[in-house]
Amino acid sequence: MVAAEAKNKDFVTTRIFDAPPATLWKCFTEPERMKEWFGPKGSVVVSSKMDLRVGGSYHGAMRDGEGRVMWAKFVYREVTPPRRLVWEHSFSDEAGELTRHPLSPTWPLKLLTTVTFEDAPGGKCKLTLTWSPLDATAEERATFDAAHDGINMGWGGTFERLDDYLAGLK
């Protein structure tokens, strides 16, 4: 009998936003908009460049509340306006080369990110974000699985910032 490789637990979060899917799509696909809300509370996006197409990338950096600058790189796998975005999410350096998480050496090198935008009653959008490790070792999967509470807090704060940004558009 061959043992199947243990599957990690995907991180999934869903939230209703007071804006239609087309507006949320713009928030995720226009780098100047992303600068206004992307990242946990207390962070500031200091660089945001995007080539939105399959095989294209986003390369950006944020400065956290302690002054540390962290770079990220997304490589887009699927771009289906205004309903679905899929990308490989990684930490990077300023040149765009992949790096390890600066605070967690056993964090997966790549995460598959899937974001869907659905119509919700009242002209709102139901956004679902799913994260799953890509090509991760058992140790990296265990680190990811153990971090779900922290991931939930990070995306929760990020989505609060997105709520505030959307409120300012009205």
Protein backbone atom coordinates (compact mmCIF):
# COMPACT_ATOMS: atom_id res chain seq x y z
CA MET A 1 0.00 0.00 0.00
CA VAL A 2 1.31 3.46 -0.90
CA ALA A 3 0.69 6.20 1.66
CA ALA A 4 -0.85 9.33 0.22
CA GLU A 5 0.94 12.60 0.88
CA ALA A 6 -0.74 14.53 3.68
CA LYS A 7 -2.78 17.43 2.35
CA ASN A 8 -2.44 20.70 4.18
CA LYS A 9 -5.46 22.64 5.35
CA ASP A 10 -6.24 25.46 2.95
CA PHE A 11 -6.91 28.84 4.52
CA VAL A 12 -10.29 30.18 3.37
CA THR A 13 -11.94 33.45 4.34
CA THR A 14 -15.13 35.04 3.02
CA ARG A 15 -16.37 38.57 3.52
CA ILE A 16 -19.23 40.72 2.21
CA PHE A 17 -18.16 44.18 1.02
CA ASP A 18 -20.47 47.15 0.46
CA ALA A 19 -19.52 47.55 -3.20
CA PRO A 20 -20.25 45.60 -6.39
CA PRO A 21 -17.82 42.96 -7.71
CA ALA A 22 -16.57 45.32 -10.44
CA THR A 23 -15.37 47.80 -7.80
CA LEU A 24 -13.66 45.11 -5.74
CA TRP A 25 -12.03 43.82 -8.92
CA LYS A 26 -10.50 47.27 -9.50
CA CYS A 27 -9.22 47.34 -5.91
CA PHE A 28 -7.29 44.12 -6.57
CA THR A 29 -6.15 44.91 -10.12
CA GLU A 30 -5.15 48.57 -10.12
CA PRO A 31 -1.82 49.11 -8.32
CA GLU A 32 -2.62 52.67 -7.26
CA ARG A 33 -5.77 51.43 -5.53
CA MET A 34 -3.86 48.56 -3.88
CA LYS A 35 -1.48 51.09 -2.36
CA GLU A 36 -4.44 52.54 -0.45
CA TRP A 37 -5.58 49.38 1.35
CA PHE A 38 -3.41 46.31 0.82
CA GLY A 39 -1.63 44.90 3.86
CA PRO A 40 -2.30 44.51 7.54
CA LYS A 41 -3.21 47.45 9.75
CA GLY A 42 -0.22 49.62 10.52
CA SER A 43 1.50 48.85 7.21
CA VAL A 44 2.02 51.20 4.28
CA VAL A 45 2.54 50.10 0.68
CA VAL A 46 5.71 51.82 -0.56
CA SER A 47 5.92 50.22 -4.03
CA SER A 48 3.19 48.76 -6.24
CA LYS A 49 3.78 47.66 -9.85
CA MET A 50 1.53 45.35 -11.84
CA ASP A 51 1.41 43.56 -15.19
CA LEU A 52 -2.11 42.09 -14.99
CA ARG A 53 -2.22 39.16 -17.41
CA VAL A 54 -1.71 35.41 -17.23
CA GLY A 55 2.05 35.03 -16.69
CA GLY A 56 2.35 38.69 -15.64
CA SER A 57 3.21 39.77 -12.12
CA TYR A 58 2.64 42.16 -9.27
CA HIS A 59 5.74 43.34 -7.40
CA GLY A 60 5.27 45.46 -4.34
CA ALA A 61 6.62 46.34 -0.94
CA MET A 62 5.11 47.36 2.35
CA ARG A 63 6.63 48.91 5.42
CA ASP A 64 5.24 47.53 8.68
CA GLY A 65 4.65 49.47 11.88
CA GLU A 66 8.21 48.71 13.03
CA GLY A 67 9.76 50.14 9.87
CA ARG A 68 10.64 46.80 8.20
CA VAL A 69 10.15 46.71 4.43
CA MET A 70 8.88 43.43 3.00
CA TRP A 71 8.65 42.73 -0.71
CA ALA A 72 6.13 40.43 -2.37
CA LYS A 73 5.73 39.02 -5.85
CA PHE A 74 2.58 37.58 -7.39
CA VAL A 75 2.64 35.65 -10.68
CA TYR A 76 -0.81 35.59 -12.23
CA ARG A 77 -2.22 32.21 -13.31
CA GLU A 78 -5.79 33.26 -14.05
CA VAL A 79 -7.35 36.67 -14.73
CA THR A 80 -11.12 36.50 -15.29
CA PRO A 81 -12.62 39.99 -14.87
CA PRO A 82 -14.49 40.78 -12.71
CA ARG A 83 -14.99 37.37 -11.09
CA ARG A 84 -11.75 35.50 -10.38
CA LEU A 85 -8.03 36.09 -9.82
CA VAL A 86 -5.49 33.33 -9.20
CA TRP A 87 -1.83 33.96 -8.47
CA GLU A 88 1.30 32.45 -6.94
CA HIS A 89 2.10 34.58 -3.88
CA SER A 90 5.69 34.81 -2.61
CA PHE A 91 8.03 37.00 -0.65
CA SER A 92 10.74 38.55 -2.79
CA ASP A 93 13.59 40.99 -2.76
CA GLU A 94 13.61 44.41 -4.39
CA ALA A 95 14.76 42.85 -7.70
CA GLY A 96 11.80 40.44 -7.72
CA GLU A 97 13.76 37.29 -6.87
CA LEU A 98 11.88 34.92 -4.55
CA THR A 99 13.00 34.88 -0.93
CA ARG A 100 11.98 33.21 2.30
CA HIS A 101 9.55 34.90 4.68
CA PRO A 102 11.72 37.39 6.60
CA LEU A 103 10.22 36.35 9.95
CA SER A 104 9.56 32.62 9.37
CA PRO A 105 12.23 30.50 7.65
CA THR A 106 9.88 27.50 7.36
CA TRP A 107 7.05 29.44 5.71
CA PRO A 108 6.17 27.99 2.25
CA LEU A 109 8.09 29.65 -0.56
CA LYS A 110 4.91 29.92 -2.66
CA LEU A 111 1.21 30.07 -1.88
CA LEU A 112 -1.56 29.65 -4.41
CA THR A 113 -4.03 32.51 -3.92
CA THR A 114 -7.52 32.33 -5.37
CA VAL A 115 -9.90 35.28 -5.01
CA THR A 116 -13.49 35.14 -6.25
CA PHE A 117 -15.91 38.05 -6.49
CA GLU A 118 -19.63 37.17 -6.39
CA ASP A 119 -22.75 39.29 -6.47
CA ALA A 120 -24.41 39.64 -3.06
CA PRO A 121 -27.80 41.18 -2.24
CA GLY A 122 -28.01 44.96 -2.16
CA GLY A 123 -25.33 45.57 -4.80
CA LYS A 124 -22.63 44.11 -2.55
CA CYS A 125 -19.80 41.66 -3.25
CA LYS A 126 -19.07 38.34 -1.58
CA LEU A 127 -15.30 37.92 -1.73
CA THR A 128 -13.72 34.55 -0.99
CA LEU A 129 -9.94 34.22 -0.65
CA THR A 130 -8.23 30.83 -0.51
CA TRP A 131 -4.54 30.27 0.26
CA SER A 132 -2.78 26.94 -0.16
CA PRO A 133 0.92 26.09 -0.09
CA LEU A 134 2.51 25.15 -3.43
CA ASP A 135 5.27 22.53 -3.65
CA ALA A 136 5.72 22.77 0.13
CA THR A 137 7.69 20.42 2.33
CA ALA A 138 5.98 18.71 5.26
CA GLU A 139 7.65 21.24 7.58
CA GLU A 140 6.41 24.18 5.49
CA ARG A 141 2.88 22.75 5.39
CA ALA A 142 2.95 22.31 9.18
CA THR A 143 4.09 25.93 9.62
CA PHE A 144 1.27 27.12 7.34
CA ASP A 145 -1.35 24.95 9.08
CA ALA A 146 -0.28 26.24 12.50
CA ALA A 147 -0.50 29.86 11.33
CA HIS A 148 -4.20 29.99 10.36
CA ASP A 149 -5.19 32.16 13.34
CA GLY A 150 -2.48 34.70 12.51
CA ILE A 151 -3.33 34.57 8.79
CA ASN A 152 -6.97 35.23 9.69
CA MET A 153 -5.96 38.26 11.77
CA GLY A 154 -3.74 39.59 8.95
CA TRP A 155 -6.37 39.26 6.23
CA GLY A 156 -9.04 40.50 8.67
CA GLY A 157 -7.07 43.72 9.23
CA THR A 158 -6.38 44.01 5.52
CA PHE A 159 -10.08 43.66 4.73
CA GLU A 160 -10.94 46.27 7.37
CA ARG A 161 -8.62 48.64 5.51
CA LEU A 162 -10.37 47.72 2.26
CA ASP A 163 -13.75 48.45 3.90
CA ASP A 164 -12.44 51.89 4.95
CA TYR A 165 -11.09 52.54 1.45
CA LEU A 166 -14.44 51.60 -0.13
CA ALA A 167 -16.32 53.83 2.32
CA GLY A 168 -14.14 56.75 1.20
CA LEU A 169 -15.16 56.20 -2.43
CA LYS A 170 -18.83 56.99 -1.68
